[in-house]
C-alpha atoms as a PDB file:
ATOM      1  CA  MET A   1      -5.801 -28.476  -6.611  1.00  0.00           C
ATOM      2  CA  LYS A   2      -8.044 -25.437  -6.363  1.00  0.00           C
ATOM      3  CA  LYS A   3      -7.723 -22.489  -8.735  1.00  0.00           C
ATOM      4  CA  ILE A   4      -6.575 -18.920  -8.272  1.00  0.00           C
ATOM      5  CA  ALA A   5      -9.187 -16.202  -8.714  1.00  0.00           C
ATOM      6  CA  ILE A   6      -8.176 -12.956 -10.398  1.00  0.00           C
ATOM      7  CA  ILE A   7     -10.876 -10.430  -9.673  1.00  0.00           C
ATOM      8  CA  MET A   8     -11.149  -6.758 -10.520  1.00  0.00           C
ATOM      9  CA  GLY A   9     -13.647  -3.969 -10.120  1.00  0.00           C
ATOM     10  CA  SER A  10     -14.027  -3.066 -13.787  1.00  0.00           C
ATOM     11  CA  GLN A  11     -12.990  -3.966 -17.326  1.00  0.00           C
ATOM     12  CA  SER A  12     -10.376  -1.205 -17.359  1.00  0.00           C
ATOM     13  CA  ASP A  13      -8.548  -2.940 -14.473  1.00  0.00           C
ATOM     14  CA  TRP A  14      -7.725  -5.813 -16.851  1.00  0.00           C
ATOM     15  CA  ASP A  15      -5.006  -3.599 -18.369  1.00  0.00           C
ATOM     16  CA  THR A  16      -3.111  -4.206 -15.115  1.00  0.00           C
ATOM     17  CA  MET A  17      -4.470  -7.554 -13.956  1.00  0.00           C
ATOM     18  CA  GLN A  18      -3.615  -9.295 -17.233  1.00  0.00           C
ATOM     19  CA  PHE A  19      -0.017  -9.410 -16.001  1.00  0.00           C
ATOM     20  CA  ALA A  20      -1.070 -11.633 -13.104  1.00  0.00           C
ATOM     21  CA  ALA A  21      -2.758 -13.925 -15.625  1.00  0.00           C
ATOM     22  CA  HIS A  22       0.319 -14.011 -17.878  1.00  0.00           C
ATOM     23  CA  THR A  23       2.482 -14.968 -14.899  1.00  0.00           C
ATOM     24  CA  LEU A  24       0.105 -17.739 -13.814  1.00  0.00           C
ATOM     25  CA  ASN A  25       0.100 -18.993 -17.415  1.00  0.00           C
ATOM     26  CA  GLU A  26       3.901 -19.357 -17.276  1.00  0.00           C
ATOM     27  CA  PHE A  27       3.418 -21.856 -14.440  1.00  0.00           C
ATOM     28  CA  ASN A  28       0.342 -23.551 -15.936  1.00  0.00           C
ATOM     29  CA  ILE A  29      -1.715 -22.534 -12.912  1.00  0.00           C
ATOM     30  CA  GLU A  30      -5.460 -22.576 -13.443  1.00  0.00           C
ATOM     31  CA  TYR A  31      -7.343 -19.384 -12.714  1.00  0.00           C
ATOM     32  CA  ASP A  32     -10.629 -17.655 -13.279  1.00  0.00           C
ATOM     33  CA  LYS A  33     -10.818 -13.974 -14.145  1.00  0.00           C
ATOM     34  CA  LEU A  34     -13.898 -12.115 -13.014  1.00  0.00           C
ATOM     35  CA  ILE A  35     -15.225  -8.577 -12.819  1.00  0.00           C
ATOM     36  CA  ILE A  36     -16.729  -8.011  -9.391  1.00  0.00           C
ATOM     37  CA  SER A  37     -17.381  -4.443  -8.344  1.00  0.00           C
ATOM     38  CA  ALA A  38     -17.592  -3.772  -4.612  1.00  0.00           C
ATOM     39  CA  HIS A  39     -19.899  -0.833  -5.315  1.00  0.00           C
ATOM     40  CA  ARG A  40     -21.804  -1.727  -8.483  1.00  0.00           C
ATOM     41  CA  THR A  41     -22.277  -5.503  -8.018  1.00  0.00           C
ATOM     42  CA  PRO A  42     -22.511  -6.070  -4.251  1.00  0.00           C
ATOM     43  CA  ASP A  43     -24.632  -9.224  -4.580  1.00  0.00           C
ATOM     44  CA  ARG A  44     -22.089 -10.718  -7.003  1.00  0.00           C
ATOM     45  CA  LEU A  45     -19.299  -9.835  -4.559  1.00  0.00           C
ATOM     46  CA  TYR A  46     -21.127 -11.432  -1.658  1.00  0.00           C
ATOM     47  CA  GLU A  47     -21.904 -14.666  -3.533  1.00  0.00           C
ATOM     48  CA  PHE A  48     -18.350 -14.942  -4.858  1.00  0.00           C
ATOM     49  CA  ALA A  49     -16.688 -14.316  -1.498  1.00  0.00           C
ATOM     50  CA  LYS A  50     -19.016 -16.544   0.542  1.00  0.00           C
ATOM     51  CA  ASN A  51     -18.423 -19.485  -1.833  1.00  0.00           C
ATOM     52  CA  SER A  52     -14.767 -18.812  -2.674  1.00  0.00           C
ATOM     53  CA  SER A  53     -13.258 -21.407  -0.334  1.00  0.00           C
ATOM     54  CA  LYS A  54     -14.954 -24.203  -2.280  1.00  0.00           C
ATOM     55  CA  LYS A  55     -13.137 -23.324  -5.491  1.00  0.00           C
ATOM     56  CA  TYR A  56     -10.084 -21.112  -4.829  1.00  0.00           C
ATOM     57  CA  SER A  57      -6.796 -21.350  -2.919  1.00  0.00           C
ATOM     58  CA  VAL A  58      -5.870 -17.675  -3.330  1.00  0.00           C
ATOM     59  CA  ILE A  59      -7.708 -14.580  -4.536  1.00  0.00           C
ATOM     60  CA  ILE A  60      -5.852 -11.801  -6.352  1.00  0.00           C
ATOM     61  CA  ALA A  61      -8.008  -8.675  -6.203  1.00  0.00           C
ATOM     62  CA  GLY A  62      -7.195  -5.583  -8.243  1.00  0.00           C
ATOM     63  CA  ALA A  63      -8.918  -2.339  -7.372  1.00  0.00           C
ATOM     64  CA  GLY A  64      -8.479   1.362  -8.022  1.00  0.00           C
ATOM     65  CA  GLY A  65      -9.599   4.573  -6.382  1.00  0.00           C
ATOM     66  CA  SER A  66     -11.415   3.792  -3.156  1.00  0.00           C
ATOM     67  CA  ALA A  67     -10.272   0.183  -3.765  1.00  0.00           C
ATOM     68  CA  HIS A  68     -12.763  -1.568  -1.491  1.00  0.00           C
ATOM     69  CA  LEU A  69     -12.857  -4.861  -3.409  1.00  0.00           C
ATOM     70  CA  PRO A  70      -9.929  -6.682  -1.725  1.00  0.00           C
ATOM     71  CA  GLY A  71     -11.011  -5.738   1.791  1.00  0.00           C
ATOM     72  CA  MET A  72     -14.676  -6.525   1.257  1.00  0.00           C
ATOM     73  CA  VAL A  73     -13.829  -9.946  -0.167  1.00  0.00           C
ATOM     74  CA  ALA A  74     -11.355 -10.611   2.666  1.00  0.00           C
ATOM     75  CA  SER A  75     -14.060  -9.794   5.205  1.00  0.00           C
ATOM     76  CA  LEU A  76     -16.245 -12.585   3.818  1.00  0.00           C
ATOM     77  CA  THR A  77     -13.748 -15.426   3.264  1.00  0.00           C
ATOM     78  CA  ILE A  78     -10.826 -17.202   4.887  1.00  0.00           C
ATOM     79  CA  VAL A  79      -9.107 -17.617   1.498  1.00  0.00           C
ATOM     80  CA  PRO A  80      -5.935 -15.469   1.346  1.00  0.00           C
ATOM     81  CA  VAL A  81      -6.630 -12.230  -0.519  1.00  0.00           C
ATOM     82  CA  LEU A  82      -3.791 -10.386  -2.261  1.00  0.00           C
ATOM     83  CA  GLY A  83      -4.605  -6.791  -3.163  1.00  0.00           C
ATOM     84  CA  VAL A  84      -3.214  -5.100  -6.254  1.00  0.00           C
ATOM     85  CA  PRO A  85      -3.658  -1.323  -6.272  1.00  0.00           C
ATOM     86  CA  ILE A  86      -4.613  -0.145  -9.751  1.00  0.00           C
ATOM     87  CA  GLU A  87      -2.972   3.056 -10.966  1.00  0.00           C
ATOM     88  CA  SER A  88      -5.589   5.796 -10.917  1.00  0.00           C
ATOM     89  CA  ASN A  89      -5.926   9.086 -12.767  1.00  0.00           C
ATOM     90  CA  PHE A  90      -6.005  11.122  -9.578  1.00  0.00           C
ATOM     91  CA  LEU A  91      -3.042  10.111  -7.449  1.00  0.00           C
ATOM     92  CA  ASN A  92      -1.264   7.589  -9.705  1.00  0.00           C
ATOM     93  CA  GLY A  93      -2.493   4.691  -7.583  1.00  0.00           C
ATOM     94  CA  ILE A  94      -1.374   6.021  -4.213  1.00  0.00           C
ATOM     95  CA  ASP A  95      -5.063   6.404  -3.282  1.00  0.00           C
ATOM     96  CA  SER A  96      -5.646   2.752  -4.220  1.00  0.00           C
ATOM     97  CA  LEU A  97      -2.565   1.625  -2.295  1.00  0.00           C
ATOM     98  CA  LEU A  98      -3.543   3.466   0.863  1.00  0.00           C
ATOM     99  CA  SER A  99      -7.106   2.188   0.683  1.00  0.00           C
ATOM    100  CA  ILE A 100      -6.029  -1.455   0.391  1.00  0.00           C
ATOM    101  CA  ILE A 101      -3.157  -1.346   2.857  1.00  0.00           C
ATOM    102  CA  GLN A 102      -5.163   0.293   5.666  1.00  0.00           C
ATOM    103  CA  MET A 103      -7.250  -2.758   6.574  1.00  0.00           C
ATOM    104  CA  PRO A 104      -8.271  -2.932  10.227  1.00  0.00           C
ATOM    105  CA  LYS A 105      -6.702  -5.599  12.411  1.00  0.00           C
ATOM    106  CA  GLY A 106      -8.412  -8.931  12.053  1.00  0.00           C
ATOM    107  CA  VAL A 107      -9.139  -8.674   8.310  1.00  0.00           C
ATOM    108  CA  PRO A 108      -5.801  -8.985   6.511  1.00  0.00           C
ATOM    109  CA  VAL A 109      -5.187  -8.257   2.845  1.00  0.00           C
ATOM    110  CA  GLY A 110      -1.700  -8.895   1.521  1.00  0.00           C
ATOM    111  CA  THR A 111      -0.986  -5.697  -0.398  1.00  0.00           C
ATOM    112  CA  LEU A 112       1.397  -5.532  -3.343  1.00  0.00           C
ATOM    113  CA  ALA A 113       2.896  -2.675  -5.343  1.00  0.00           C
ATOM    114  CA  VAL A 114       0.826  -0.387  -7.538  1.00  0.00           C
ATOM    115  CA  GLY A 115       0.243  -1.505 -11.118  1.00  0.00           C
ATOM    116  CA  LYS A 116       1.999  -4.072 -13.306  1.00  0.00           C
ATOM    117  CA  SER A 117       4.695  -4.988 -10.771  1.00  0.00           C
ATOM    118  CA  GLY A 118       2.049  -5.586  -8.129  1.00  0.00           C
ATOM    119  CA  ALA A 119       0.012  -7.816 -10.456  1.00  0.00           C
ATOM    120  CA  ILE A 120       3.052  -9.910 -11.367  1.00  0.00           C
ATOM    121  CA  ASN A 121       4.167 -10.181  -7.748  1.00  0.00           C
ATOM    122  CA  ALA A 122       0.645 -11.111  -6.625  1.00  0.00           C
ATOM    123  CA  ALA A 123       0.741 -14.018  -9.059  1.00  0.00           C
ATOM    124  CA  LEU A 124       4.216 -15.039  -7.876  1.00  0.00           C
ATOM    125  CA  LEU A 125       3.138 -14.822  -4.238  1.00  0.00           C
ATOM    126  CA  SER A 126       0.093 -16.963  -5.058  1.00  0.00           C
ATOM    127  CA  ILE A 127       2.378 -19.499  -6.699  1.00  0.00           C
ATOM    128  CA  SER A 128       4.623 -19.435  -3.635  1.00  0.00           C
ATOM    129  CA  ILE A 129       1.605 -20.110  -1.401  1.00  0.00           C
ATOM    130  CA  LEU A 130       0.553 -23.040  -3.586  1.00  0.00           C
ATOM    131  CA  SER A 131       4.122 -24.374  -3.644  1.00  0.00           C
ATOM    132  CA  GLN A 132       3.940 -25.159   0.076  1.00  0.00           C
ATOM    133  CA  ASN A 133       1.709 -28.141  -0.690  1.00  0.00           C
ATOM    134  CA  ASP A 134       2.755 -28.990  -4.253  1.00  0.00           C
ATOM    135  CA  LYS A 135       6.275 -30.207  -5.045  1.00  0.00           C
ATOM    136  CA  GLU A 136       5.815 -29.694  -8.796  1.00  0.00           C
ATOM    137  CA  ILE A 137       4.904 -26.032  -8.333  1.00  0.00           C
ATOM    138  CA  ALA A 138       7.763 -25.622  -5.836  1.00  0.00           C
ATOM    139  CA  HIS A 139      10.209 -27.016  -8.394  1.00  0.00           C
ATOM    140  CA  ALA A 140       8.868 -24.741 -11.149  1.00  0.00           C
ATOM    141  CA  LEU A 141       9.180 -21.718  -8.853  1.00  0.00           C
ATOM    142  CA  THR A 142      12.752 -22.685  -7.944  1.00  0.00           C
ATOM    143  CA  LEU A 143      13.635 -22.929 -11.649  1.00  0.00           C
ATOM    144  CA  TYR A 144      11.979 -19.565 -12.309  1.00  0.00           C
ATOM    145  CA  ARG A 145      14.049 -17.928  -9.590  1.00  0.00           C
ATOM    146  CA  GLU A 146      17.257 -19.563 -10.822  1.00  0.00           C
ATOM    147  CA  LYS A 147      16.568 -18.345 -14.365  1.00  0.00           C
ATOM    148  CA  GLN A 148      15.887 -14.856 -13.023  1.00  0.00           C
ATOM    149  CA  THR A 149      19.185 -14.878 -11.115  1.00  0.00           C
ATOM    150  CA  LYS A 150      21.129 -16.066 -14.157  1.00  0.00           C
ATOM    151  CA  SER A 151      19.635 -13.264 -16.264  1.00  0.00           C
ATOM    152  CA  VAL A 152      21.355 -10.598 -14.159  1.00  0.00           C
ATOM    153  CA  LYS A 153      24.675  -9.626 -15.747  1.00  0.00           C
ATOM    154  CA  THR A 154      27.750  -9.218 -13.557  1.00  0.00           C
ATOM    155  CA  SER A 155      28.779  -5.965 -15.217  1.00  0.00           C
ATOM    156  CA  PRO A 156      27.108  -3.340 -17.409  1.00  0.00           C
ATOM    157  CA  LYS A 157      27.754  -3.083 -21.122  1.00  0.00           C
END
């Protein structure tokens, strides 16, 4: 089985993207975590994206501000790219969200919620994608969902 890639534009994005890693750890899914800046390391981005299908099944890409990383990677690979908008200082991540979600037709990026919830859901969506071809992962995801359902009380205290 290929790995998941968790990529981000800068070290500060790890504050959010670590939640994707924690979620993948719960399922014992292998992943690499890499800093790849669309603007500051374009050669690194190009090499990663062009070779990504050899090593990865899904790419989770966190980006803030202009948030070009997910779209640029998606334009260079056929591996599914899931974009996580990082909360920014300017517009609380709305700028990141709009940048990622407004991909032109023909270059899709699955876009998740801003911040921690988006990172966790990107990992869960990656796991769901992998579960289509792996019965063990599908079973683990089913158990996760059942546990989540059971944790919801029927009435407030």
